[in-house]
Amino acid sequence: MVSTNRPTVAFSAIAALVVVLAGCTGGEDPASSLPSEPASASASPTASPTPADPLVAAQQERIDDALRRYEEYLEIDEKHQKAGTNGYEELALYLGHPDILNNEYMKWEFLAEQGYKMVGHRKPIVDVLDTRYEGDPLAATISGHRVYLDLCVDGSGTEIVDSDGKPLPIADPYPDRFVKKIEMQGQPSEKWTIVENNSKKTAC
């Protein structure tokens, strides 16, 4: 049986559940884990392992940027939910699809109307399960490019409480650790925005 700490909020009869995800920190930087030869007294300052393929390195850098952008979104979301303030205007800058914008607007209107708040602390990402890049990572711009992230997140660190501080019942529980599928799109502003944000009832 899953923990009642998973932060899910029922919107209304016409709205689905709002899944408040565990917050995340950056994944490992592959460039930081490249193998290296032991240092020697005679080694020149330029001696190093063969550099990674430029295409692969550029692709990973942009994937990492997209993940950091998603992390910023989660941090702002958590800040407003804990404070009970409406985060829509600030978070809209991180959203790149009309459906996501509409869902986010409804979410914040509902939370404000009900007086709901988040308590606890979001946990880091358990794992980055898979990534995919769509576009030419060596192009001068990210506009129109896509990054796909499959994340394993832990939703047990926070919960949503009502205006009296009572935890909300879980209507449709997820596993404590579950898969989150994120799609990010590059904009002409050279910022990544979220165009898909789906939780899966798949334990990880």
C-alpha atoms as a PDB file:
ATOM      1  CA  MET A   1       0.000   0.000   0.000  1.00  0.00           C
ATOM      2  CA  VAL A   2       1.314   3.416  -0.850  1.00  0.00           C
ATOM      3  CA  SER A   3       1.995   6.238   1.557  1.00  0.00           C
ATOM      4  CA  THR A   4      -0.701   8.846   2.126  1.00  0.00           C
ATOM      5  CA  ASN A   5       2.026  11.444   1.781  1.00  0.00           C
ATOM      6  CA  ARG A   6       1.854  11.411  -2.018  1.00  0.00           C
ATOM      7  CA  PRO A   7       0.743  14.947  -2.850  1.00  0.00           C
ATOM      8  CA  THR A   8      -2.336  14.581  -5.046  1.00  0.00           C
ATOM      9  CA  VAL A   9      -5.215  17.068  -5.008  1.00  0.00           C
ATOM     10  CA  ALA A  10      -8.700  16.578  -6.443  1.00  0.00           C
ATOM     11  CA  PHE A  11      -9.729  19.561  -8.586  1.00  0.00           C
ATOM     12  CA  SER A  12     -13.521  19.121  -8.962  1.00  0.00           C
ATOM     13  CA  ALA A  13     -16.028  16.899 -10.772  1.00  0.00           C
ATOM     14  CA  ILE A  14     -14.850  18.302 -14.103  1.00  0.00           C
ATOM     15  CA  ALA A  15     -11.127  18.338 -13.368  1.00  0.00           C
ATOM     16  CA  ALA A  16      -8.701  15.483 -12.913  1.00  0.00           C
ATOM     17  CA  LEU A  17      -6.205  15.063 -10.108  1.00  0.00           C
ATOM     18  CA  VAL A  18      -3.392  17.530  -9.612  1.00  0.00           C
ATOM     19  CA  VAL A  19      -0.239  15.530  -8.963  1.00  0.00           C
ATOM     20  CA  VAL A  20       2.211  17.629  -6.965  1.00  0.00           C
ATOM     21  CA  LEU A  21       5.543  16.070  -7.751  1.00  0.00           C
ATOM     22  CA  ALA A  22       8.600  15.576  -5.663  1.00  0.00           C
ATOM     23  CA  GLY A  23      11.104  18.337  -6.339  1.00  0.00           C
ATOM     24  CA  CYS A  24      14.282  17.476  -8.167  1.00  0.00           C
ATOM     25  CA  THR A  25      17.913  18.276  -8.280  1.00  0.00           C
ATOM     26  CA  GLY A  26      20.188  18.043 -11.263  1.00  0.00           C
ATOM     27  CA  GLY A  27      21.148  14.673 -12.664  1.00  0.00           C
ATOM     28  CA  GLU A  28      24.740  13.636 -13.030  1.00  0.00           C
ATOM     29  CA  ASP A  29      26.765  15.564 -15.565  1.00  0.00           C
ATOM     30  CA  PRO A  30      28.226  12.912 -17.887  1.00  0.00           C
ATOM     31  CA  ALA A  31      31.122  15.227 -18.702  1.00  0.00           C
ATOM     32  CA  SER A  32      32.146  15.210 -15.044  1.00  0.00           C
ATOM     33  CA  SER A  33      32.474  11.426 -14.999  1.00  0.00           C
ATOM     34  CA  LEU A  34      34.623  10.968 -18.097  1.00  0.00           C
ATOM     35  CA  PRO A  35      37.548   8.604 -17.405  1.00  0.00           C
ATOM     36  CA  SER A  36      40.964  10.179 -17.092  1.00  0.00           C
ATOM     37  CA  GLU A  37      44.526   8.913 -16.981  1.00  0.00           C
ATOM     38  CA  PRO A  38      46.469   9.194 -13.705  1.00  0.00           C
ATOM     39  CA  ALA A  39      48.424  12.431 -13.536  1.00  0.00           C
ATOM     40  CA  SER A  40      52.174  12.232 -14.013  1.00  0.00           C
ATOM     41  CA  ALA A  41      54.988  14.716 -13.516  1.00  0.00           C
ATOM     42  CA  SER A  42      55.787  14.708 -17.220  1.00  0.00           C
ATOM     43  CA  ALA A  43      52.243  15.116 -18.452  1.00  0.00           C
ATOM     44  CA  SER A  44      51.592  18.327 -20.360  1.00  0.00           C
ATOM     45  CA  PRO A  45      48.731  20.639 -19.325  1.00  0.00           C
ATOM     46  CA  THR A  46      46.875  19.724 -22.512  1.00  0.00           C
ATOM     47  CA  ALA A  47      47.132  15.974 -22.045  1.00  0.00           C
ATOM     48  CA  SER A  48      43.659  14.552 -21.560  1.00  0.00           C
ATOM     49  CA  PRO A  49      41.481  11.677 -22.702  1.00  0.00           C
ATOM     50  CA  THR A  50      40.058  11.863 -26.182  1.00  0.00           C
ATOM     51  CA  PRO A  51      37.183  14.366 -25.957  1.00  0.00           C
ATOM     52  CA  ALA A  52      33.638  13.142 -26.391  1.00  0.00           C
ATOM     53  CA  ASP A  53      32.046  13.394 -29.809  1.00  0.00           C
ATOM     54  CA  PRO A  54      31.065  17.085 -30.200  1.00  0.00           C
ATOM     55  CA  LEU A  55      27.557  16.129 -31.297  1.00  0.00           C
ATOM     56  CA  VAL A  56      27.019  13.921 -28.245  1.00  0.00           C
ATOM     57  CA  ALA A  57      28.554  16.492 -25.889  1.00  0.00           C
ATOM     58  CA  ALA A  58      26.400  19.319 -27.283  1.00  0.00           C
ATOM     59  CA  GLN A  59      23.296  17.152 -27.058  1.00  0.00           C
ATOM     60  CA  GLN A  60      23.984  16.254 -23.423  1.00  0.00           C
ATOM     61  CA  GLU A  61      24.610  19.884 -22.525  1.00  0.00           C
ATOM     62  CA  ARG A  62      21.227  20.892 -23.905  1.00  0.00           C
ATOM     63  CA  ILE A  63      19.483  17.994 -22.195  1.00  0.00           C
ATOM     64  CA  ASP A  64      21.058  19.110 -18.920  1.00  0.00           C
ATOM     65  CA  ASP A  65      19.878  22.681 -19.548  1.00  0.00           C
ATOM     66  CA  ALA A  66      16.327  21.485 -20.152  1.00  0.00           C
ATOM     67  CA  LEU A  67      16.395  19.443 -16.946  1.00  0.00           C
ATOM     68  CA  ARG A  68      17.655  22.433 -14.963  1.00  0.00           C
ATOM     69  CA  ARG A  69      14.860  24.522 -16.418  1.00  0.00           C
ATOM     70  CA  TYR A  70      12.324  21.942 -15.270  1.00  0.00           C
ATOM     71  CA  GLU A  71      13.906  21.973 -11.805  1.00  0.00           C
ATOM     72  CA  GLU A  72      13.472  25.755 -11.643  1.00  0.00           C
ATOM     73  CA  TYR A  73       9.792  25.291 -12.436  1.00  0.00           C
ATOM     74  CA  LEU A  74       9.400  22.793  -9.594  1.00  0.00           C
ATOM     75  CA  GLU A  75      11.184  25.061  -7.120  1.00  0.00           C
ATOM     76  CA  ILE A  76       8.903  27.992  -7.935  1.00  0.00           C
ATOM     77  CA  ASP A  77       5.837  25.755  -7.793  1.00  0.00           C
ATOM     78  CA  GLU A  78       6.820  24.470  -4.348  1.00  0.00           C
ATOM     79  CA  LYS A  79       7.550  27.982  -3.072  1.00  0.00           C
ATOM     80  CA  HIS A  80       4.071  29.229  -3.964  1.00  0.00           C
ATOM     81  CA  GLN A  81       2.236  26.114  -2.795  1.00  0.00           C
ATOM     82  CA  LYS A  82       3.892  26.303   0.613  1.00  0.00           C
ATOM     83  CA  ALA A  83       3.119  30.010   0.915  1.00  0.00           C
ATOM     84  CA  GLY A  84      -0.439  29.633  -0.339  1.00  0.00           C
ATOM     85  CA  THR A  85       0.194  32.229  -3.044  1.00  0.00           C
ATOM     86  CA  ASN A  86      -0.809  32.024  -6.707  1.00  0.00           C
ATOM     87  CA  GLY A  87       2.205  31.024  -8.766  1.00  0.00           C
ATOM     88  CA  TYR A  88       0.573  31.070 -12.187  1.00  0.00           C
ATOM     89  CA  GLU A  89       2.065  34.261 -13.606  1.00  0.00           C
ATOM     90  CA  GLU A  90       5.604  33.319 -12.602  1.00  0.00           C
ATOM     91  CA  LEU A  91       5.278  29.719 -13.752  1.00  0.00           C
ATOM     92  CA  ALA A  92       3.628  30.573 -17.071  1.00  0.00           C
ATOM     93  CA  LEU A  93       7.087  31.589 -18.329  1.00  0.00           C
ATOM     94  CA  TYR A  94       8.093  27.924 -18.051  1.00  0.00           C
ATOM     95  CA  LEU A  95       5.118  26.566 -20.001  1.00  0.00           C
ATOM     96  CA  GLY A  96       4.947  26.223 -23.769  1.00  0.00           C
ATOM     97  CA  HIS A  97       1.610  24.657 -24.672  1.00  0.00           C
ATOM     98  CA  PRO A  98      -1.959  26.013 -24.324  1.00  0.00           C
ATOM     99  CA  ASP A  99      -3.175  22.871 -22.545  1.00  0.00           C
ATOM    100  CA  ILE A 100      -0.390  23.086 -19.960  1.00  0.00           C
ATOM    101  CA  LEU A 101      -1.083  26.784 -19.434  1.00  0.00           C
ATOM    102  CA  ASN A 102      -4.793  26.108 -18.964  1.00  0.00           C
ATOM    103  CA  ASN A 103      -4.186  23.253 -16.528  1.00  0.00           C
ATOM    104  CA  GLU A 104      -1.765  25.352 -14.525  1.00  0.00           C
ATOM    105  CA  TYR A 105      -4.228  28.242 -14.375  1.00  0.00           C
ATOM    106  CA  MET A 106      -7.025  25.940 -13.141  1.00  0.00           C
ATOM    107  CA  LYS A 107      -4.704  24.376 -10.590  1.00  0.00           C
ATOM    108  CA  TRP A 108      -3.778  27.682  -8.971  1.00  0.00           C
ATOM    109  CA  GLU A 109      -7.343  28.985  -9.038  1.00  0.00           C
ATOM    110  CA  PHE A 110      -8.494  25.813  -7.320  1.00  0.00           C
ATOM    111  CA  LEU A 111      -5.760  25.860  -4.678  1.00  0.00           C
ATOM    112  CA  ALA A 112      -6.524  29.502  -3.864  1.00  0.00           C
ATOM    113  CA  GLU A 113     -10.262  28.878  -3.739  1.00  0.00           C
ATOM    114  CA  GLN A 114      -9.898  25.935  -1.372  1.00  0.00           C
ATOM    115  CA  GLY A 115      -7.107  27.400   0.744  1.00  0.00           C
ATOM    116  CA  TYR A 116      -4.909  24.369   0.182  1.00  0.00           C
ATOM    117  CA  LYS A 117      -1.167  24.430   0.921  1.00  0.00           C
ATOM    118  CA  MET A 118       1.793  22.117   0.604  1.00  0.00           C
ATOM    119  CA  VAL A 119       3.690  20.948   3.669  1.00  0.00           C
ATOM    120  CA  GLY A 120       6.923  18.970   3.869  1.00  0.00           C
ATOM    121  CA  HIS A 121       9.866  18.999   1.485  1.00  0.00           C
ATOM    122  CA  ARG A 122      10.070  17.611  -2.006  1.00  0.00           C
ATOM    123  CA  LYS A 123      12.636  14.900  -2.517  1.00  0.00           C
ATOM    124  CA  PRO A 124      15.306  14.871  -5.209  1.00  0.00           C
ATOM    125  CA  ILE A 125      14.819  12.946  -8.425  1.00  0.00           C
ATOM    126  CA  VAL A 126      15.496   9.279  -7.769  1.00  0.00           C
ATOM    127  CA  ASP A 127      16.859   8.698 -11.263  1.00  0.00           C
ATOM    128  CA  VAL A 128      16.877   9.983 -14.827  1.00  0.00           C
ATOM    129  CA  LEU A 129      15.607   6.861 -16.548  1.00  0.00           C
ATOM    130  CA  ASP A 130      15.898   7.947 -20.156  1.00  0.00           C
ATOM    131  CA  THR A 131      16.506  11.024 -22.304  1.00  0.00           C
ATOM    132  CA  ARG A 132      16.040  11.821 -25.967  1.00  0.00           C
ATOM    133  CA  TYR A 133      16.939  14.879 -28.013  1.00  0.00           C
ATOM    134  CA  GLU A 134      15.100  15.964 -31.148  1.00  0.00           C
ATOM    135  CA  GLY A 135      16.879  18.516 -33.321  1.00  0.00           C
ATOM    136  CA  ASP A 136      20.425  19.416 -34.299  1.00  0.00           C
ATOM    137  CA  PRO A 137      22.313  19.999 -31.032  1.00  0.00           C
ATOM    138  CA  LEU A 138      25.042  21.854 -32.932  1.00  0.00           C
ATOM    139  CA  ALA A 139      22.575  24.413 -34.322  1.00  0.00           C
ATOM    140  CA  ALA A 140      22.975  27.991 -33.146  1.00  0.00           C
ATOM    141  CA  THR A 141      19.491  28.015 -31.612  1.00  0.00           C
ATOM    142  CA  ILE A 142      17.342  25.602 -29.622  1.00  0.00           C
ATOM    143  CA  SER A 143      14.134  27.030 -31.102  1.00  0.00           C
ATOM    144  CA  GLY A 144      11.795  24.180 -32.058  1.00  0.00           C
ATOM    145  CA  HIS A 145      14.018  21.490 -30.565  1.00  0.00           C
ATOM    146  CA  ARG A 146      12.606  18.935 -28.115  1.00  0.00           C
ATOM    147  CA  VAL A 147      14.007  17.172 -25.064  1.00  0.00           C
ATOM    148  CA  TYR A 148      12.228  14.117 -23.680  1.00  0.00           C
ATOM    149  CA  LEU A 149      12.887  13.152 -20.059  1.00  0.00           C
ATOM    150  CA  ASP A 150      11.728  10.004 -18.284  1.00  0.00           C
ATOM    151  CA  LEU A 151      12.229  10.625 -14.573  1.00  0.00           C
ATOM    152  CA  CYS A 152      11.782   8.483 -11.494  1.00  0.00           C
ATOM    153  CA  VAL A 153      10.436  10.752  -8.755  1.00  0.00           C
ATOM    154  CA  ASP A 154       9.584  10.237  -5.100  1.00  0.00           C
ATOM    155  CA  GLY A 155       6.296  11.883  -4.151  1.00  0.00           C
ATOM    156  CA  SER A 156       6.311  10.873  -0.494  1.00  0.00           C
ATOM    157  CA  GLY A 157       8.059  13.947   0.904  1.00  0.00           C
ATOM    158  CA  THR A 158       5.121  16.356   0.801  1.00  0.00           C
ATOM    159  CA  GLU A 159       1.377  16.444   1.221  1.00  0.00           C
ATOM    160  CA  ILE A 160      -1.442  18.889   0.620  1.00  0.00           C
ATOM    161  CA  VAL A 161      -3.455  20.123   3.586  1.00  0.00           C
ATOM    162  CA  ASP A 162      -6.707  22.041   3.773  1.00  0.00           C
ATOM    163  CA  SER A 163      -7.228  25.424   5.402  1.00  0.00           C
ATOM    164  CA  ASP A 164      -7.436  23.709   8.810  1.00  0.00           C
ATOM    165  CA  GLY A 165      -4.125  21.919   8.274  1.00  0.00           C
ATOM    166  CA  LYS A 166      -5.723  18.498   7.754  1.00  0.00           C
ATOM    167  CA  PRO A 167      -4.154  16.272   5.045  1.00  0.00           C
ATOM    168  CA  LEU A 168      -6.375  15.660   2.042  1.00  0.00           C
ATOM    169  CA  PRO A 169      -7.485  12.084   1.400  1.00  0.00           C
ATOM    170  CA  ILE A 170      -5.881  10.320  -1.541  1.00  0.00           C
ATOM    171  CA  ALA A 171      -8.548   9.500  -4.090  1.00  0.00           C
ATOM    172  CA  ASP A 172      -6.343   7.762  -6.647  1.00  0.00           C
ATOM    173  CA  PRO A 173      -2.997   6.757  -5.125  1.00  0.00           C
ATOM    174  CA  TYR A 174       0.252   6.438  -7.038  1.00  0.00           C
ATOM    175  CA  PRO A 175       3.283   4.437  -5.934  1.00  0.00           C
ATOM    176  CA  ASP A 176       5.593   6.459  -3.697  1.00  0.00           C
ATOM    177  CA  ARG A 177       8.147   6.334  -6.498  1.00  0.00           C
ATOM    178  CA  PHE A 178       6.681   6.680  -9.953  1.00  0.00           C
ATOM    179  CA  VAL A 179       7.593   7.628 -13.517  1.00  0.00           C
ATOM    180  CA  LYS A 180       7.230  11.179 -14.777  1.00  0.00           C
ATOM    181  CA  LYS A 181       7.417  11.863 -18.516  1.00  0.00           C
ATOM    182  CA  ILE A 182       8.448  15.402 -19.397  1.00  0.00           C
ATOM    183  CA  GLU A 183       8.712  17.004 -22.816  1.00  0.00           C
ATOM    184  CA  MET A 184      10.527  20.318 -23.158  1.00  0.00           C
ATOM    185  CA  GLN A 185      10.516  22.559 -26.228  1.00  0.00           C
ATOM    186  CA  GLY A 186      13.111  25.176 -27.146  1.00  0.00           C
ATOM    187  CA  GLN A 187      11.717  28.650 -27.756  1.00  0.00           C
ATOM    188  CA  PRO A 188      13.044  31.582 -29.840  1.00  0.00           C
ATOM    189  CA  SER A 189      13.894  33.189 -26.490  1.00  0.00           C
ATOM    190  CA  GLU A 190      16.477  30.377 -26.085  1.00  0.00           C
ATOM    191  CA  LYS A 191      14.565  29.110 -23.057  1.00  0.00           C
ATOM    192  CA  TRP A 192      13.170  25.607 -22.603  1.00  0.00           C
ATOM    193  CA  THR A 193       9.451  25.353 -21.845  1.00  0.00           C
ATOM    194  CA  ILE A 194       7.311  22.433 -20.695  1.00  0.00           C
ATOM    195  CA  VAL A 195       4.900  21.125 -23.307  1.00  0.00           C
ATOM    196  CA  GLU A 196       4.069  17.789 -21.695  1.00  0.00           C
ATOM    197  CA  ASN A 197       4.077  16.841 -18.012  1.00  0.00           C
ATOM    198  CA  ASN A 198       2.576  13.413 -17.378  1.00  0.00           C
ATOM    199  CA  SER A 199       2.676  11.161 -14.323  1.00  0.00           C
ATOM    200  CA  LYS A 200       2.495   7.406 -14.851  1.00  0.00           C
ATOM    201  CA  LYS A 201       1.327   4.861 -12.301  1.00  0.00           C
ATOM    202  CA  THR A 202       4.490   2.904 -12.953  1.00  0.00           C
ATOM    203  CA  ALA A 203       6.661   2.172  -9.955  1.00  0.00           C
ATOM    204  CA  CYS A 204      10.362   2.836 -10.382  1.00  0.00           C
END
